């Protein structure tokens, strides 16, 4: 599952995800990118305000991962499907 903003993600990338079986939903804007893996690690990715460069923070903490999974689920519910 992936939540993205069509402003930040190219149509080609979205199609690539769909071909790989990833369900994609959209929000108008996302303040940062979030990945949760193995229910114990979280990666936050922020873009610099004036450039296209990104900064990432990786935290391994089971409780944080649990909370971010819940946050993702809430965003997923609010996000819209597109065809």
Protein backbone atom coordinates (compact mmCIF):
# COMPACT_ATOMS: atom_id res chain seq x y z
CA UNK A 1 0.00 0.00 0.00
CA UNK A 2 1.21 3.49 -0.80
CA UNK A 3 -0.16 6.94 -0.13
CA UNK A 4 1.20 9.73 -2.28
CA UNK A 5 0.49 13.17 -3.64
CA UNK A 6 0.08 13.43 -7.39
CA UNK A 7 2.02 16.72 -7.11
CA UNK A 8 5.10 14.82 -5.91
CA UNK A 9 4.87 11.50 -7.76
CA UNK A 10 5.05 11.07 -11.50
CA UNK A 11 2.30 9.17 -13.34
CA UNK A 12 4.99 6.73 -14.53
CA UNK A 13 6.01 5.89 -10.96
CA UNK A 14 2.37 5.40 -9.95
CA UNK A 15 1.84 3.03 -12.89
CA UNK A 16 4.99 1.13 -11.93
CA UNK A 17 3.66 0.65 -8.39
CA UNK A 18 0.29 -0.53 -9.69
CA UNK A 19 1.96 -3.06 -12.02
CA UNK A 20 3.79 -4.43 -8.99
CA UNK A 21 0.46 -4.94 -7.20
CA UNK A 22 0.77 -1.94 -4.88
CA UNK A 23 -2.55 -0.29 -4.11
CA UNK A 24 -2.14 3.48 -4.33
CA UNK A 25 -4.24 6.21 -2.74
CA UNK A 26 -3.83 9.96 -2.91
CA UNK A 27 -3.85 12.96 -0.60
CA UNK A 28 -3.64 16.55 -1.79
CA UNK A 29 -0.45 17.12 0.18
CA UNK A 30 1.93 15.11 2.33
CA UNK A 31 4.31 16.96 4.68
CA UNK A 32 6.77 14.05 4.69
CA UNK A 33 7.19 10.51 3.48
CA UNK A 34 6.95 7.61 5.87
CA UNK A 35 8.00 3.97 5.66
CA UNK A 36 7.41 1.39 8.38
CA UNK A 37 9.13 -1.97 8.04
CA UNK A 38 9.21 -5.21 10.01
CA UNK A 39 6.97 -3.57 12.65
CA UNK A 40 10.10 -2.19 14.30
CA UNK A 41 11.65 0.45 12.06
CA UNK A 42 10.51 3.81 10.72
CA UNK A 43 12.03 5.98 8.01
CA UNK A 44 10.93 9.61 7.69
CA UNK A 45 11.88 11.46 4.50
CA UNK A 46 11.56 15.24 4.27
CA UNK A 47 12.19 17.47 1.28
CA UNK A 48 14.14 20.67 1.69
CA UNK A 49 11.81 23.65 1.29
CA UNK A 50 13.82 25.36 -1.46
CA UNK A 51 15.31 22.42 -3.33
CA UNK A 52 14.48 18.90 -4.42
CA UNK A 53 16.98 17.42 -1.94
CA UNK A 54 15.78 15.06 0.77
CA UNK A 55 16.82 14.33 4.32
CA UNK A 56 15.99 10.95 5.84
CA UNK A 57 15.82 9.84 9.46
CA UNK A 58 15.83 6.17 10.36
CA UNK A 59 14.63 5.08 13.80
CA UNK A 60 14.40 1.50 15.05
CA UNK A 61 11.80 1.44 17.80
CA UNK A 62 8.91 -1.02 18.00
CA UNK A 63 6.55 1.40 19.81
CA UNK A 64 7.20 4.18 17.30
CA UNK A 65 6.60 1.74 14.43
CA UNK A 66 3.32 0.68 16.03
CA UNK A 67 2.21 4.31 16.33
CA UNK A 68 3.24 5.14 12.76
CA UNK A 69 1.32 2.10 11.48
CA UNK A 70 -1.78 3.54 13.15
CA UNK A 71 -1.03 6.95 11.65
CA UNK A 72 -0.67 5.35 8.20
CA UNK A 73 -4.01 3.56 8.64
CA UNK A 74 -5.71 6.88 9.45
CA UNK A 75 -4.16 8.53 6.38
CA UNK A 76 -5.17 5.51 4.26
CA UNK A 77 -8.80 5.95 5.34
CA UNK A 78 -8.69 9.66 4.45
CA UNK A 79 -6.87 9.17 1.14
CA UNK A 80 -8.75 8.91 -2.14
CA UNK A 81 -8.66 6.16 -4.73
CA UNK A 82 -8.05 7.08 -8.36
CA UNK A 83 -8.40 4.97 -11.44
